[in-house]
Amino acid sequence: MLHELRIYHCAPGKLGEVNKRFATATLALFTKHGIKQVGFWTTLIGPSNLDLYYILEWDSLADREAKWSAFQSDPEWHKEKSETEINGAIVNSFENIMLSPTAYSALK
C-alpha cells in the first residue's frame, strides 16, 4: 500500500474555490476512477493558510499510474477544471509526494 500526499498552494483568496471544486466535482470523478482518498486538510496553525493537503491511497505505483491517467484524461475533469478556472488559476502550484509506511506505522 502506498500513500500520496498532495499539497495545493492556492492562489490568494481561492482556497474556498478549490474546496468547492473537490466537494462538487473532483471527488465524484475520483470515485468514478477508483481513486481512494484518505482525507483532506487545511492549515489551522502553520506557515500558510492558502494550502490544501490531501492523501490518496494506492495499491501500487502501477495502480496509481492507471487510475490517475484515466482521471487526468477524463473529459469531465477537463470541463470542470476549465469552468472553475475561467477567471484564472485557482492553484498556483502543487507538490505530490509518494509515501511508504515504516514497519512501525499504524497506517500501512
N, C-alpha and C. Protein backbone atom coordinates (compact mmCIF):
# COMPACT_ATOMS: atom_id res chain seq x y z
N MET A 1 0.85 -1.18 0.00
CA MET A 1 0.00 0.00 0.00
C MET A 1 0.89 1.24 0.00
N LEU A 2 0.55 2.17 -0.87
CA LEU A 2 1.26 3.45 -0.94
C LEU A 2 0.28 4.58 -0.67
N HIS A 3 0.81 5.65 -0.12
CA HIS A 3 0.01 6.85 0.08
C HIS A 3 0.69 8.01 -0.62
N GLU A 4 -0.13 8.85 -1.21
CA GLU A 4 0.38 10.01 -1.92
C GLU A 4 -0.12 11.26 -1.20
N LEU A 5 0.81 12.05 -0.73
CA LEU A 5 0.49 13.34 -0.12
C LEU A 5 0.54 14.38 -1.22
N ARG A 6 -0.56 15.09 -1.39
CA ARG A 6 -0.64 16.16 -2.38
C ARG A 6 -0.91 17.47 -1.64
N ILE A 7 -0.15 18.48 -1.99
CA ILE A 7 -0.29 19.79 -1.37
C ILE A 7 -0.56 20.80 -2.47
N TYR A 8 -1.70 21.47 -2.38
CA TYR A 8 -2.06 22.50 -3.35
C TYR A 8 -1.83 23.86 -2.71
N HIS A 9 -0.97 24.65 -3.32
CA HIS A 9 -0.70 26.01 -2.88
C HIS A 9 -1.64 26.90 -3.69
N CYS A 10 -2.72 27.31 -3.05
CA CYS A 10 -3.79 28.04 -3.74
C CYS A 10 -3.44 29.50 -3.95
N ALA A 11 -4.02 30.05 -5.00
CA ALA A 11 -3.89 31.48 -5.23
C ALA A 11 -4.57 32.23 -4.08
N PRO A 12 -4.09 33.41 -3.71
CA PRO A 12 -4.72 34.15 -2.63
C PRO A 12 -6.23 34.31 -2.84
N GLY A 13 -6.97 33.98 -1.80
CA GLY A 13 -8.43 34.09 -1.84
C GLY A 13 -9.14 32.97 -2.58
N LYS A 14 -8.41 31.95 -3.05
CA LYS A 14 -9.01 30.90 -3.89
C LYS A 14 -9.16 29.55 -3.20
N LEU A 15 -8.74 29.42 -1.95
CA LEU A 15 -8.85 28.13 -1.26
C LEU A 15 -10.31 27.66 -1.21
N GLY A 16 -11.24 28.57 -0.99
CA GLY A 16 -12.65 28.21 -0.97
C GLY A 16 -13.12 27.62 -2.29
N GLU A 17 -12.62 28.18 -3.40
CA GLU A 17 -12.99 27.67 -4.72
C GLU A 17 -12.40 26.28 -4.97
N VAL A 18 -11.17 26.07 -4.49
CA VAL A 18 -10.55 24.75 -4.62
C VAL A 18 -11.35 23.73 -3.82
N ASN A 19 -11.69 24.08 -2.58
CA ASN A 19 -12.50 23.17 -1.75
C ASN A 19 -13.85 22.88 -2.41
N LYS A 20 -14.46 23.89 -2.98
CA LYS A 20 -15.76 23.71 -3.64
C LYS A 20 -15.63 22.76 -4.83
N ARG A 21 -14.57 22.92 -5.62
CA ARG A 21 -14.38 22.04 -6.78
C ARG A 21 -14.22 20.59 -6.35
N PHE A 22 -13.46 20.35 -5.27
CA PHE A 22 -13.33 18.98 -4.77
C PHE A 22 -14.69 18.45 -4.31
N ALA A 23 -15.40 19.24 -3.53
CA ALA A 23 -16.67 18.79 -2.96
C ALA A 23 -17.74 18.55 -4.01
N THR A 24 -17.78 19.36 -5.05
CA THR A 24 -18.88 19.27 -6.01
C THR A 24 -18.56 18.49 -7.28
N ALA A 25 -17.27 18.26 -7.56
CA ALA A 25 -16.94 17.58 -8.82
C ALA A 25 -15.80 16.57 -8.71
N THR A 26 -14.67 16.99 -8.17
CA THR A 26 -13.48 16.14 -8.22
C THR A 26 -13.67 14.83 -7.47
N LEU A 27 -14.28 14.86 -6.30
CA LEU A 27 -14.45 13.62 -5.54
C LEU A 27 -15.32 12.61 -6.28
N ALA A 28 -16.33 13.08 -6.98
CA ALA A 28 -17.16 12.16 -7.78
C ALA A 28 -16.33 11.54 -8.90
N LEU A 29 -15.44 12.32 -9.49
CA LEU A 29 -14.56 11.78 -10.53
C LEU A 29 -13.54 10.82 -9.95
N PHE A 30 -13.05 11.10 -8.75
CA PHE A 30 -12.17 10.15 -8.07
C PHE A 30 -12.89 8.81 -7.90
N THR A 31 -14.12 8.85 -7.42
CA THR A 31 -14.90 7.63 -7.23
C THR A 31 -15.09 6.91 -8.56
N LYS A 32 -15.42 7.63 -9.58
CA LYS A 32 -15.61 7.07 -10.93
C LYS A 32 -14.38 6.28 -11.38
N HIS A 33 -13.20 6.79 -11.04
CA HIS A 33 -11.95 6.18 -11.49
C HIS A 33 -11.30 5.28 -10.44
N GLY A 34 -12.01 5.02 -9.34
CA GLY A 34 -11.49 4.11 -8.31
C GLY A 34 -10.37 4.69 -7.48
N ILE A 35 -10.29 6.01 -7.41
CA ILE A 35 -9.26 6.68 -6.61
C ILE A 35 -9.77 6.84 -5.18
N LYS A 36 -9.02 6.29 -4.23
CA LYS A 36 -9.44 6.32 -2.82
C LYS A 36 -8.72 7.45 -2.09
N GLN A 37 -9.52 8.33 -1.49
CA GLN A 37 -8.95 9.39 -0.67
C GLN A 37 -8.94 8.97 0.79
N VAL A 38 -7.86 9.34 1.49
CA VAL A 38 -7.74 9.08 2.92
C VAL A 38 -8.30 10.26 3.70
N GLY A 39 -8.03 11.47 3.23
CA GLY A 39 -8.55 12.65 3.91
C GLY A 39 -8.02 13.93 3.29
N PHE A 40 -8.65 15.03 3.68
CA PHE A 40 -8.30 16.38 3.22
C PHE A 40 -8.13 17.27 4.44
N TRP A 41 -7.16 18.19 4.38
CA TRP A 41 -6.89 19.08 5.50
C TRP A 41 -6.52 20.47 5.00
N THR A 42 -6.86 21.46 5.81
CA THR A 42 -6.36 22.82 5.63
C THR A 42 -5.54 23.15 6.87
N THR A 43 -4.81 24.23 6.83
CA THR A 43 -3.92 24.60 7.93
C THR A 43 -4.67 25.41 8.98
N LEU A 44 -4.68 24.91 10.19
CA LEU A 44 -5.24 25.64 11.32
C LEU A 44 -4.17 26.57 11.89
N ILE A 45 -2.99 26.03 12.12
CA ILE A 45 -1.84 26.81 12.59
C ILE A 45 -0.64 26.36 11.76
N GLY A 46 0.05 27.28 11.16
CA GLY A 46 1.20 26.90 10.35
C GLY A 46 1.65 28.03 9.46
N PRO A 47 2.54 27.72 8.53
CA PRO A 47 3.15 28.78 7.73
C PRO A 47 2.22 29.42 6.69
N SER A 48 1.17 28.71 6.25
CA SER A 48 0.31 29.29 5.22
C SER A 48 -1.12 28.77 5.37
N ASN A 49 -2.07 29.67 5.29
CA ASN A 49 -3.48 29.25 5.32
C ASN A 49 -4.06 29.21 3.91
N LEU A 50 -3.18 29.16 2.89
CA LEU A 50 -3.61 29.09 1.50
C LEU A 50 -3.48 27.68 0.93
N ASP A 51 -3.07 26.72 1.76
CA ASP A 51 -2.76 25.38 1.28
C ASP A 51 -3.85 24.37 1.60
N LEU A 52 -4.03 23.43 0.68
CA LEU A 52 -4.90 22.28 0.88
C LEU A 52 -4.02 21.05 0.82
N TYR A 53 -4.12 20.20 1.83
CA TYR A 53 -3.37 18.95 1.90
C TYR A 53 -4.37 17.80 1.74
N TYR A 54 -3.98 16.80 0.97
CA TYR A 54 -4.81 15.59 0.95
C TYR A 54 -3.96 14.38 0.65
N ILE A 55 -4.48 13.22 1.06
CA ILE A 55 -3.77 11.96 0.89
C ILE A 55 -4.65 11.00 0.11
N LEU A 56 -4.03 10.37 -0.89
CA LEU A 56 -4.67 9.33 -1.68
C LEU A 56 -3.99 8.00 -1.37
N GLU A 57 -4.75 6.92 -1.49
CA GLU A 57 -4.23 5.59 -1.19
C GLU A 57 -4.20 4.76 -2.47
N TRP A 58 -3.08 4.08 -2.70
CA TRP A 58 -2.89 3.28 -3.91
C TRP A 58 -2.42 1.88 -3.54
N ASP A 59 -2.79 0.89 -4.34
CA ASP A 59 -2.31 -0.47 -4.13
C ASP A 59 -0.84 -0.60 -4.55
N SER A 60 -0.44 0.17 -5.55
CA SER A 60 0.93 0.11 -6.09
C SER A 60 1.14 1.32 -6.98
N LEU A 61 2.37 1.49 -7.44
CA LEU A 61 2.65 2.58 -8.38
C LEU A 61 1.92 2.34 -9.71
N ALA A 62 1.80 1.08 -10.11
CA ALA A 62 1.07 0.76 -11.34
C ALA A 62 -0.41 1.11 -11.20
N ASP A 63 -0.98 0.84 -10.02
CA ASP A 63 -2.38 1.19 -9.73
C ASP A 63 -2.56 2.70 -9.84
N ARG A 64 -1.62 3.44 -9.27
CA ARG A 64 -1.68 4.90 -9.31
C ARG A 64 -1.61 5.40 -10.75
N GLU A 65 -0.66 4.86 -11.50
CA GLU A 65 -0.47 5.30 -12.89
C GLU A 65 -1.74 5.09 -13.71
N ALA A 66 -2.33 3.92 -13.60
CA ALA A 66 -3.53 3.60 -14.39
C ALA A 66 -4.70 4.50 -14.01
N LYS A 67 -4.98 4.60 -12.72
CA LYS A 67 -6.15 5.36 -12.27
C LYS A 67 -5.95 6.87 -12.45
N TRP A 68 -4.76 7.38 -12.14
CA TRP A 68 -4.51 8.81 -12.26
C TRP A 68 -4.53 9.23 -13.72
N SER A 69 -3.98 8.40 -14.60
CA SER A 69 -4.00 8.71 -16.03
C SER A 69 -5.43 8.76 -16.56
N ALA A 70 -6.27 7.81 -16.12
CA ALA A 70 -7.67 7.81 -16.54
C ALA A 70 -8.38 9.07 -16.05
N PHE A 71 -8.14 9.46 -14.81
CA PHE A 71 -8.73 10.68 -14.26
C PHE A 71 -8.27 11.90 -15.05
N GLN A 72 -6.97 12.02 -15.25
CA GLN A 72 -6.40 13.19 -15.94
C GLN A 72 -6.88 13.32 -17.38
N SER A 73 -7.24 12.22 -18.02
CA SER A 73 -7.68 12.29 -19.41
C SER A 73 -9.21 12.32 -19.54
N ASP A 74 -9.91 12.31 -18.42
CA ASP A 74 -11.38 12.32 -18.45
C ASP A 74 -11.90 13.68 -18.93
N PRO A 75 -12.72 13.69 -19.99
CA PRO A 75 -13.27 14.96 -20.49
C PRO A 75 -14.08 15.72 -19.43
N GLU A 76 -14.73 15.00 -18.53
CA GLU A 76 -15.48 15.67 -17.44
C GLU A 76 -14.53 16.49 -16.57
N TRP A 77 -13.34 15.94 -16.28
CA TRP A 77 -12.36 16.66 -15.47
C TRP A 77 -11.89 17.92 -16.21
N HIS A 78 -11.60 17.79 -17.49
CA HIS A 78 -11.15 18.96 -18.26
C HIS A 78 -12.21 20.04 -18.31
N LYS A 79 -13.46 19.64 -18.45
CA LYS A 79 -14.57 20.60 -18.47
C LYS A 79 -14.68 21.31 -17.13
N GLU A 80 -14.67 20.54 -16.05
CA GLU A 80 -14.78 21.12 -14.70
C GLU A 80 -13.61 22.05 -14.40
N LYS A 81 -12.42 21.62 -14.74
CA LYS A 81 -11.22 22.44 -14.49
C LYS A 81 -11.32 23.75 -15.26
N SER A 82 -11.70 23.67 -16.53
CA SER A 82 -11.83 24.89 -17.35
C SER A 82 -12.88 25.84 -16.78
N GLU A 83 -14.02 25.30 -16.40
CA GLU A 83 -15.10 26.14 -15.88
C GLU A 83 -14.72 26.80 -14.57
N THR A 84 -13.99 26.09 -13.71
CA THR A 84 -13.65 26.66 -12.40
C THR A 84 -12.44 27.59 -12.48
N GLU A 85 -11.76 27.61 -13.62
CA GLU A 85 -10.60 28.49 -13.77
C GLU A 85 -10.83 29.53 -14.86
N ILE A 86 -12.09 29.81 -15.15
CA ILE A 86 -12.43 30.77 -16.20
C ILE A 86 -11.86 32.17 -15.89
N ASN A 87 -11.74 32.50 -14.62
CA ASN A 87 -11.20 33.81 -14.21
C ASN A 87 -9.74 33.72 -13.78
N GLY A 88 -9.08 32.64 -14.13
CA GLY A 88 -7.68 32.46 -13.77
C GLY A 88 -7.47 31.24 -12.91
N ALA A 89 -6.22 30.85 -12.78
CA ALA A 89 -5.85 29.67 -11.99
C ALA A 89 -6.26 29.84 -10.54
N ILE A 90 -6.72 28.76 -9.94
CA ILE A 90 -7.06 28.80 -8.51
C ILE A 90 -5.99 28.08 -7.67
N VAL A 91 -5.11 27.36 -8.34
CA VAL A 91 -3.98 26.72 -7.67
C VAL A 91 -2.71 27.26 -8.33
N ASN A 92 -1.83 27.87 -7.51
CA ASN A 92 -0.58 28.43 -8.04
C ASN A 92 0.43 27.34 -8.35
N SER A 93 0.54 26.36 -7.45
CA SER A 93 1.47 25.25 -7.63
C SER A 93 1.04 24.11 -6.73
N PHE A 94 1.62 22.95 -6.98
CA PHE A 94 1.31 21.81 -6.13
C PHE A 94 2.53 20.93 -5.97
N GLU A 95 2.48 20.11 -4.94
CA GLU A 95 3.51 19.11 -4.69
C GLU A 95 2.82 17.77 -4.54
N ASN A 96 3.47 16.72 -4.98
CA ASN A 96 2.96 15.40 -4.66
C ASN A 96 4.13 14.53 -4.23
N ILE A 97 3.92 13.82 -3.16
CA ILE A 97 4.96 13.03 -2.52
C ILE A 97 4.41 11.62 -2.31
N MET A 98 5.11 10.62 -2.84
CA MET A 98 4.71 9.23 -2.63
C MET A 98 5.33 8.76 -1.32
N LEU A 99 4.50 8.25 -0.43
CA LEU A 99 4.94 7.83 0.91
C LEU A 99 4.86 6.31 1.03
N SER A 100 5.81 5.75 1.72
CA SER A 100 5.82 4.32 2.02
C SER A 100 5.88 4.16 3.55
N PRO A 101 4.98 3.37 4.13
CA PRO A 101 4.94 3.30 5.59
C PRO A 101 6.16 2.59 6.18
N THR A 102 6.52 3.02 7.37
CA THR A 102 7.58 2.35 8.11
C THR A 102 7.00 1.08 8.73
N ALA A 103 7.87 0.23 9.23
CA ALA A 103 7.45 -1.03 9.87
C ALA A 103 6.57 -0.77 11.10
N TYR A 104 6.73 0.37 11.75
CA TYR A 104 6.01 0.67 12.98
C TYR A 104 4.83 1.62 12.78
N SER A 105 4.50 1.92 11.55
CA SER A 105 3.39 2.84 11.26
C SER A 105 2.04 2.18 11.55
N ALA A 106 1.13 2.92 12.18
CA ALA A 106 -0.23 2.42 12.42
C ALA A 106 -1.00 2.33 11.11
N LEU A 107 -0.70 3.19 10.17
CA LEU A 107 -1.35 3.19 8.87
C LEU A 107 -0.40 2.56 7.87
N LYS A 108 -0.83 1.44 7.29
CA LYS A 108 0.06 0.71 6.34
C LYS A 108 -0.59 0.61 5.00
